[in-house]
């Protein structure tokens, strides 16, 4: 579990991040490219769950670097990482903050930032924060 405020701290600690809104919800962008956003479920989303349990608590959308990466992330079976029909064909996953481990949330947020940030920022970031 990661508190929403702690997730926001991870997001805003990354270089050149600005907060904005998307569809009335908070989002975070790097040089204008959105990479994480609050994603409450719409009435249509809730209806699509049918009899399946609806993930509870705060949900965030997290950009990924393409559909192949999305499939790889989902196949890992990480607790608190999922998708919904509305995201079919869209390079992003959802994270359930009440369930996901803080390190998993941090990894996905940093990867989302790396996928969205321009090359000069990612190169500088990776020089200072090598990923093994």
N, C-alpha and C. Protein backbone atom coordinates (compact mmCIF):
# COMPACT_ATOMS: atom_id res chain seq x y z
N UNK A 1 0.84 -1.18 0.00
CA UNK A 1 0.00 0.00 0.00
C UNK A 1 0.89 1.25 0.00
N UNK A 2 0.45 2.22 -0.79
CA UNK A 2 1.12 3.52 -0.78
C UNK A 2 0.04 4.58 -0.66
N UNK A 3 0.24 5.50 0.25
CA UNK A 3 -0.71 6.60 0.41
C UNK A 3 -0.65 7.50 -0.83
N UNK A 4 -1.78 8.10 -1.16
CA UNK A 4 -1.83 8.99 -2.32
C UNK A 4 -0.79 10.10 -2.20
N UNK A 5 -0.68 10.70 -1.03
CA UNK A 5 0.29 11.78 -0.83
C UNK A 5 1.72 11.30 -1.06
N UNK A 6 2.01 10.06 -0.67
CA UNK A 6 3.35 9.51 -0.89
C UNK A 6 3.59 9.25 -2.38
N UNK A 7 2.57 8.79 -3.09
CA UNK A 7 2.69 8.60 -4.53
C UNK A 7 2.95 9.94 -5.21
N UNK A 8 2.24 10.97 -4.78
CA UNK A 8 2.45 12.31 -5.34
C UNK A 8 3.87 12.79 -5.05
N UNK A 9 4.39 12.48 -3.88
CA UNK A 9 5.78 12.85 -3.56
C UNK A 9 6.76 12.19 -4.52
N UNK A 10 6.53 10.92 -4.85
CA UNK A 10 7.39 10.21 -5.80
C UNK A 10 7.31 10.89 -7.17
N UNK A 11 6.10 11.21 -7.59
CA UNK A 11 5.88 11.83 -8.90
C UNK A 11 6.57 13.19 -8.97
N UNK A 12 6.32 14.02 -7.99
CA UNK A 12 6.81 15.40 -8.05
C UNK A 12 8.30 15.53 -7.75
N UNK A 13 8.92 14.46 -7.28
CA UNK A 13 10.37 14.48 -7.07
C UNK A 13 11.13 14.31 -8.39
N UNK A 14 10.45 13.88 -9.43
CA UNK A 14 11.10 13.69 -10.73
C UNK A 14 11.29 15.05 -11.41
N UNK A 15 12.31 15.16 -12.26
CA UNK A 15 12.61 16.46 -12.89
C UNK A 15 11.50 16.97 -13.82
N UNK A 16 11.32 18.28 -13.79
CA UNK A 16 10.42 19.00 -14.71
C UNK A 16 8.98 18.52 -14.70
N UNK A 17 8.50 18.09 -13.56
CA UNK A 17 7.11 17.63 -13.45
C UNK A 17 6.22 18.81 -13.08
N UNK A 18 5.11 18.92 -13.78
CA UNK A 18 4.11 19.94 -13.49
C UNK A 18 2.77 19.25 -13.25
N UNK A 19 2.02 19.77 -12.29
CA UNK A 19 0.69 19.23 -12.02
C UNK A 19 -0.34 19.97 -12.86
N UNK A 20 -1.34 19.24 -13.30
CA UNK A 20 -2.43 19.83 -14.06
C UNK A 20 -3.71 19.07 -13.80
N UNK A 21 -4.65 19.20 -14.72
CA UNK A 21 -5.89 18.42 -14.63
C UNK A 21 -6.18 17.80 -15.99
N UNK A 22 -6.84 16.66 -15.94
CA UNK A 22 -7.31 15.97 -17.13
C UNK A 22 -8.68 15.41 -16.80
N UNK A 23 -9.69 15.82 -17.56
CA UNK A 23 -11.07 15.39 -17.30
C UNK A 23 -11.47 15.66 -15.85
N UNK A 24 -11.00 16.78 -15.31
CA UNK A 24 -11.36 17.19 -13.96
C UNK A 24 -10.58 16.51 -12.84
N UNK A 25 -9.62 15.67 -13.19
CA UNK A 25 -8.81 14.97 -12.19
C UNK A 25 -7.36 15.42 -12.27
N UNK A 26 -6.66 15.30 -11.13
CA UNK A 26 -5.25 15.67 -11.10
C UNK A 26 -4.44 14.79 -12.03
N UNK A 27 -3.46 15.41 -12.67
CA UNK A 27 -2.52 14.66 -13.50
C UNK A 27 -1.15 15.32 -13.38
N UNK A 28 -0.15 14.58 -13.81
CA UNK A 28 1.22 15.08 -13.75
C UNK A 28 1.85 14.88 -15.12
N UNK A 29 2.55 15.93 -15.55
CA UNK A 29 3.15 15.95 -16.88
C UNK A 29 4.63 16.27 -16.77
N UNK A 30 5.37 15.76 -17.73
CA UNK A 30 6.77 16.15 -17.88
C UNK A 30 6.86 16.86 -19.23
N UNK A 31 7.22 18.13 -19.18
CA UNK A 31 7.29 18.98 -20.37
C UNK A 31 6.05 18.81 -21.26
N UNK A 32 4.89 18.82 -20.63
CA UNK A 32 3.63 18.79 -21.36
C UNK A 32 3.08 17.41 -21.67
N UNK A 33 3.83 16.36 -21.40
CA UNK A 33 3.39 15.00 -21.69
C UNK A 33 2.91 14.32 -20.40
N UNK A 34 1.62 14.00 -20.35
CA UNK A 34 1.06 13.38 -19.15
C UNK A 34 1.61 11.97 -18.98
N UNK A 35 1.99 11.63 -17.75
CA UNK A 35 2.51 10.29 -17.49
C UNK A 35 1.85 9.60 -16.31
N UNK A 36 1.20 10.32 -15.43
CA UNK A 36 0.43 9.73 -14.32
C UNK A 36 -0.78 10.62 -14.08
N UNK A 37 -1.90 9.99 -13.74
CA UNK A 37 -3.12 10.75 -13.47
C UNK A 37 -4.00 9.98 -12.49
N UNK A 38 -4.77 10.74 -11.72
CA UNK A 38 -5.80 10.12 -10.88
C UNK A 38 -6.89 9.61 -11.80
N UNK A 39 -7.37 8.39 -11.54
CA UNK A 39 -8.33 7.77 -12.47
C UNK A 39 -9.48 7.11 -11.71
N UNK A 40 -10.40 7.91 -11.16
CA UNK A 40 -11.58 7.29 -10.55
C UNK A 40 -12.40 6.61 -11.64
N UNK A 41 -13.16 5.61 -11.25
CA UNK A 41 -13.98 4.89 -12.22
C UNK A 41 -15.23 5.68 -12.57
N UNK A 42 -15.57 5.67 -13.85
CA UNK A 42 -16.81 6.30 -14.31
C UNK A 42 -17.97 5.32 -14.10
N UNK A 43 -19.19 5.80 -14.28
CA UNK A 43 -20.35 4.91 -14.19
C UNK A 43 -20.25 3.79 -15.21
N UNK A 44 -19.77 4.12 -16.42
CA UNK A 44 -19.60 3.10 -17.45
C UNK A 44 -18.56 2.06 -17.04
N UNK A 45 -17.46 2.51 -16.43
CA UNK A 45 -16.45 1.57 -15.94
C UNK A 45 -17.07 0.62 -14.92
N UNK A 46 -17.80 1.19 -13.97
CA UNK A 46 -18.40 0.37 -12.90
C UNK A 46 -19.36 -0.65 -13.49
N UNK A 47 -20.12 -0.25 -14.50
CA UNK A 47 -21.06 -1.18 -15.14
C UNK A 47 -20.31 -2.33 -15.81
N UNK A 48 -19.17 -2.03 -16.42
CA UNK A 48 -18.39 -3.07 -17.11
C UNK A 48 -17.83 -4.12 -16.15
N UNK A 49 -17.67 -3.76 -14.88
CA UNK A 49 -17.19 -4.75 -13.91
C UNK A 49 -18.22 -5.84 -13.69
N UNK A 50 -19.49 -5.54 -13.94
CA UNK A 50 -20.54 -6.53 -13.75
C UNK A 50 -20.53 -7.08 -12.34
N UNK A 51 -20.42 -8.40 -12.23
CA UNK A 51 -20.40 -9.07 -10.92
C UNK A 51 -18.99 -9.16 -10.33
N UNK A 52 -17.98 -8.75 -11.10
CA UNK A 52 -16.60 -8.80 -10.60
C UNK A 52 -16.39 -7.71 -9.56
N UNK A 53 -15.52 -7.96 -8.58
CA UNK A 53 -15.26 -6.92 -7.58
C UNK A 53 -14.57 -5.70 -8.21
N UNK A 54 -14.96 -4.54 -7.76
CA UNK A 54 -14.38 -3.28 -8.25
C UNK A 54 -13.20 -2.92 -7.34
N UNK A 55 -12.02 -2.69 -7.91
CA UNK A 55 -10.88 -2.28 -7.07
C UNK A 55 -11.24 -1.03 -6.26
N UNK A 56 -10.94 -1.08 -4.98
CA UNK A 56 -11.31 0.01 -4.07
C UNK A 56 -10.14 0.96 -3.87
N UNK A 57 -10.46 2.11 -3.31
CA UNK A 57 -9.44 3.08 -2.96
C UNK A 57 -8.99 3.90 -4.14
N UNK A 58 -8.00 4.74 -3.93
CA UNK A 58 -7.51 5.60 -5.01
C UNK A 58 -6.85 4.77 -6.12
N UNK A 59 -7.14 5.17 -7.35
CA UNK A 59 -6.59 4.52 -8.54
C UNK A 59 -5.85 5.59 -9.34
N UNK A 60 -4.69 5.21 -9.86
CA UNK A 60 -3.94 6.10 -10.75
C UNK A 60 -3.69 5.40 -12.08
N UNK A 61 -3.75 6.16 -13.15
CA UNK A 61 -3.32 5.69 -14.45
C UNK A 61 -1.85 6.00 -14.62
N UNK A 62 -1.12 5.05 -15.21
CA UNK A 62 0.33 5.20 -15.37
C UNK A 62 0.70 4.84 -16.80
N UNK A 63 1.31 5.76 -17.50
CA UNK A 63 1.74 5.53 -18.87
C UNK A 63 2.81 4.43 -18.91
N UNK A 64 2.79 3.63 -19.98
CA UNK A 64 3.86 2.65 -20.22
C UNK A 64 4.41 2.88 -21.62
N UNK A 65 5.55 2.31 -21.89
CA UNK A 65 6.24 2.53 -23.17
C UNK A 65 5.78 1.53 -24.21
N UNK A 66 4.51 1.60 -24.58
CA UNK A 66 3.98 0.76 -25.64
C UNK A 66 3.15 -0.41 -25.13
N UNK A 67 2.40 -1.01 -26.05
CA UNK A 67 1.50 -2.10 -25.69
C UNK A 67 2.24 -3.37 -25.30
N UNK A 68 3.41 -3.61 -25.89
CA UNK A 68 4.19 -4.79 -25.50
C UNK A 68 4.63 -4.68 -24.04
N UNK A 69 5.06 -3.47 -23.64
CA UNK A 69 5.44 -3.27 -22.24
C UNK A 69 4.22 -3.43 -21.33
N UNK A 70 3.09 -2.92 -21.77
CA UNK A 70 1.86 -3.07 -20.98
C UNK A 70 1.57 -4.55 -20.75
N UNK A 71 1.63 -5.35 -21.81
CA UNK A 71 1.38 -6.79 -21.67
C UNK A 71 2.39 -7.42 -20.73
N UNK A 72 3.65 -7.03 -20.83
CA UNK A 72 4.69 -7.60 -19.96
C UNK A 72 4.42 -7.23 -18.50
N UNK A 73 4.06 -5.99 -18.24
CA UNK A 73 3.77 -5.55 -16.87
C UNK A 73 2.58 -6.32 -16.31
N UNK A 74 1.53 -6.44 -17.09
CA UNK A 74 0.34 -7.14 -16.61
C UNK A 74 0.62 -8.63 -16.39
N UNK A 75 1.49 -9.21 -17.23
CA UNK A 75 1.78 -10.65 -17.08
C UNK A 75 2.62 -10.94 -15.83
N UNK A 76 3.27 -9.91 -15.26
CA UNK A 76 4.03 -10.10 -14.02
C UNK A 76 3.11 -10.44 -12.85
N UNK A 77 1.85 -10.04 -12.94
CA UNK A 77 0.90 -10.33 -11.87
C UNK A 77 1.15 -9.55 -10.59
N UNK A 78 1.72 -8.36 -10.70
CA UNK A 78 1.99 -7.53 -9.53
C UNK A 78 0.69 -7.12 -8.87
N UNK A 79 0.60 -7.33 -7.56
CA UNK A 79 -0.60 -6.92 -6.82
C UNK A 79 -0.85 -5.43 -7.02
N UNK A 80 -2.10 -5.10 -7.32
CA UNK A 80 -2.48 -3.70 -7.46
C UNK A 80 -2.26 -3.11 -8.84
N UNK A 81 -1.84 -3.92 -9.81
CA UNK A 81 -1.64 -3.45 -11.18
C UNK A 81 -2.64 -4.18 -12.07
N UNK A 82 -3.42 -3.41 -12.84
CA UNK A 82 -4.48 -4.02 -13.65
C UNK A 82 -4.84 -3.09 -14.80
N UNK A 83 -5.79 -3.52 -15.59
CA UNK A 83 -6.33 -2.69 -16.66
C UNK A 83 -7.84 -2.90 -16.70
N UNK A 84 -8.50 -2.09 -17.51
CA UNK A 84 -9.94 -2.22 -17.72
C UNK A 84 -10.19 -2.13 -19.22
N UNK A 85 -11.38 -2.50 -19.65
CA UNK A 85 -11.72 -2.51 -21.07
C UNK A 85 -11.50 -1.14 -21.72
N UNK A 86 -11.77 -0.08 -21.00
CA UNK A 86 -11.60 1.27 -21.53
C UNK A 86 -10.15 1.53 -21.96
N UNK A 87 -9.20 0.79 -21.40
CA UNK A 87 -7.78 0.98 -21.70
C UNK A 87 -7.27 0.02 -22.77
N UNK A 88 -8.15 -0.78 -23.37
CA UNK A 88 -7.72 -1.67 -24.45
C UNK A 88 -7.10 -0.84 -25.58
N UNK A 89 -5.91 -1.22 -26.01
CA UNK A 89 -5.22 -0.52 -27.07
C UNK A 89 -4.54 0.77 -26.64
N UNK A 90 -4.53 1.05 -25.35
CA UNK A 90 -3.93 2.28 -24.81
C UNK A 90 -2.74 1.88 -23.95
N UNK A 91 -1.61 2.53 -24.16
CA UNK A 91 -0.36 2.18 -23.47
C UNK A 91 -0.32 2.76 -22.06
N UNK A 92 -1.10 2.14 -21.17
CA UNK A 92 -1.14 2.56 -19.77
C UNK A 92 -1.71 1.41 -18.94
N UNK A 93 -1.36 1.40 -17.67
CA UNK A 93 -1.95 0.47 -16.71
C UNK A 93 -2.54 1.29 -15.57
N UNK A 94 -3.34 0.64 -14.77
CA UNK A 94 -3.91 1.27 -13.58
C UNK A 94 -3.25 0.67 -12.35
N UNK A 95 -3.06 1.50 -11.35
CA UNK A 95 -2.52 1.00 -10.09
C UNK A 95 -3.49 1.34 -8.96
N UNK A 96 -3.73 0.36 -8.13
CA UNK A 96 -4.60 0.49 -6.96
C UNK A 96 -3.71 0.79 -5.77
N UNK A 97 -3.75 2.03 -5.30
CA UNK A 97 -2.82 2.46 -4.26
C UNK A 97 -2.99 1.71 -2.96
N UNK A 98 -4.21 1.25 -2.66
CA UNK A 98 -4.45 0.50 -1.43
C UNK A 98 -3.83 -0.89 -1.44
N UNK A 99 -3.39 -1.34 -2.61
CA UNK A 99 -2.90 -2.72 -2.76
C UNK A 99 -1.44 -2.80 -3.19
N UNK A 100 -1.01 -1.92 -4.06
CA UNK A 100 0.33 -2.01 -4.64
C UNK A 100 1.41 -1.74 -3.58
N UNK A 101 2.51 -2.46 -3.68
CA UNK A 101 3.66 -2.22 -2.80
C UNK A 101 4.32 -0.89 -3.19
N UNK A 102 4.81 -0.14 -2.22
CA UNK A 102 5.43 1.15 -2.53
C UNK A 102 6.55 1.07 -3.56
N UNK A 103 7.40 0.04 -3.49
CA UNK A 103 8.49 -0.09 -4.46
C UNK A 103 7.96 -0.33 -5.87
N UNK A 104 6.88 -1.11 -5.99
CA UNK A 104 6.27 -1.34 -7.31
C UNK A 104 5.67 -0.06 -7.85
N UNK A 105 5.00 0.70 -7.00
CA UNK A 105 4.43 1.98 -7.44
C UNK A 105 5.54 2.92 -7.90
N UNK A 106 6.60 3.00 -7.12
CA UNK A 106 7.73 3.87 -7.46
C UNK A 106 8.34 3.46 -8.81
N UNK A 107 8.54 2.17 -9.01
CA UNK A 107 9.13 1.68 -10.27
C UNK A 107 8.24 2.05 -11.46
N UNK A 108 6.93 1.84 -11.32
CA UNK A 108 6.03 2.15 -12.43
C UNK A 108 5.96 3.65 -12.72
N UNK A 109 5.99 4.47 -11.68
CA UNK A 109 5.96 5.92 -11.87
C UNK A 109 7.24 6.39 -12.57
N UNK A 110 8.39 5.91 -12.12
CA UNK A 110 9.65 6.30 -12.75
C UNK A 110 9.68 5.82 -14.20
N UNK A 111 9.24 4.58 -14.46
CA UNK A 111 9.20 4.08 -15.83
C UNK A 111 8.26 4.92 -16.69
N UNK A 112 7.13 5.35 -16.12
CA UNK A 112 6.19 6.20 -16.86
C UNK A 112 6.84 7.53 -17.20
N UNK A 113 7.55 8.10 -16.23
CA UNK A 113 8.26 9.36 -16.48
C UNK A 113 9.30 9.17 -17.59
N UNK A 114 10.06 8.07 -17.52
CA UNK A 114 11.07 7.80 -18.55
C UNK A 114 10.44 7.63 -19.92
N UNK A 115 9.24 7.05 -19.99
CA UNK A 115 8.55 6.86 -21.26
C UNK A 115 8.04 8.18 -21.83
N UNK A 116 7.73 9.14 -20.96
CA UNK A 116 7.14 10.40 -21.40
C UNK A 116 8.14 11.53 -21.57
N UNK A 117 9.23 11.48 -20.84
CA UNK A 117 10.19 12.60 -20.82
C UNK A 117 11.01 12.64 -22.11
N UNK A 118 11.42 13.83 -22.52
CA UNK A 118 12.30 13.94 -23.69
C UNK A 118 13.69 13.37 -23.38
N UNK A 119 14.40 13.06 -24.45
CA UNK A 119 15.70 12.39 -24.32
C UNK A 119 16.69 13.11 -23.42
N UNK A 120 16.75 14.44 -23.50
CA UNK A 120 17.74 15.15 -22.69
C UNK A 120 17.48 14.94 -21.20
N UNK A 121 16.21 14.92 -20.81
CA UNK A 121 15.89 14.69 -19.40
C UNK A 121 16.17 13.25 -18.98
N UNK A 122 15.79 12.29 -19.84
CA UNK A 122 15.99 10.89 -19.46
C UNK A 122 17.48 10.57 -19.37
N UNK A 123 18.27 11.10 -20.30
CA UNK A 123 19.71 10.84 -20.26
C UNK A 123 20.33 11.39 -18.98
N UNK A 124 19.96 12.61 -18.62
CA UNK A 124 20.50 13.21 -17.39
C UNK A 124 20.03 12.43 -16.16
N UNK A 125 18.77 12.03 -16.15
CA UNK A 125 18.24 11.29 -15.01
C UNK A 125 18.95 9.95 -14.85
N UNK A 126 19.13 9.23 -15.96
CA UNK A 126 19.75 7.91 -15.90
C UNK A 126 21.24 7.99 -15.55
N UNK A 127 21.89 9.08 -15.88
CA UNK A 127 23.28 9.26 -15.45
C UNK A 127 23.36 9.33 -13.93
N UNK A 128 22.40 10.04 -13.33
CA UNK A 128 22.40 10.23 -11.88
C UNK A 128 21.70 9.11 -11.12
N UNK A 129 20.85 8.35 -11.80
CA UNK A 129 20.06 7.27 -11.17
C UNK A 129 20.11 6.03 -12.06
N UNK A 130 21.26 5.36 -12.14
CA UNK A 130 21.37 4.18 -13.01
C UNK A 130 20.36 3.11 -12.60
N UNK A 131 19.78 2.49 -13.61
CA UNK A 131 18.83 1.41 -13.37
C UNK A 131 19.54 0.11 -13.67
N UNK A 132 19.51 -0.80 -12.71
CA UNK A 132 20.22 -2.07 -12.92
C UNK A 132 19.33 -3.10 -13.55
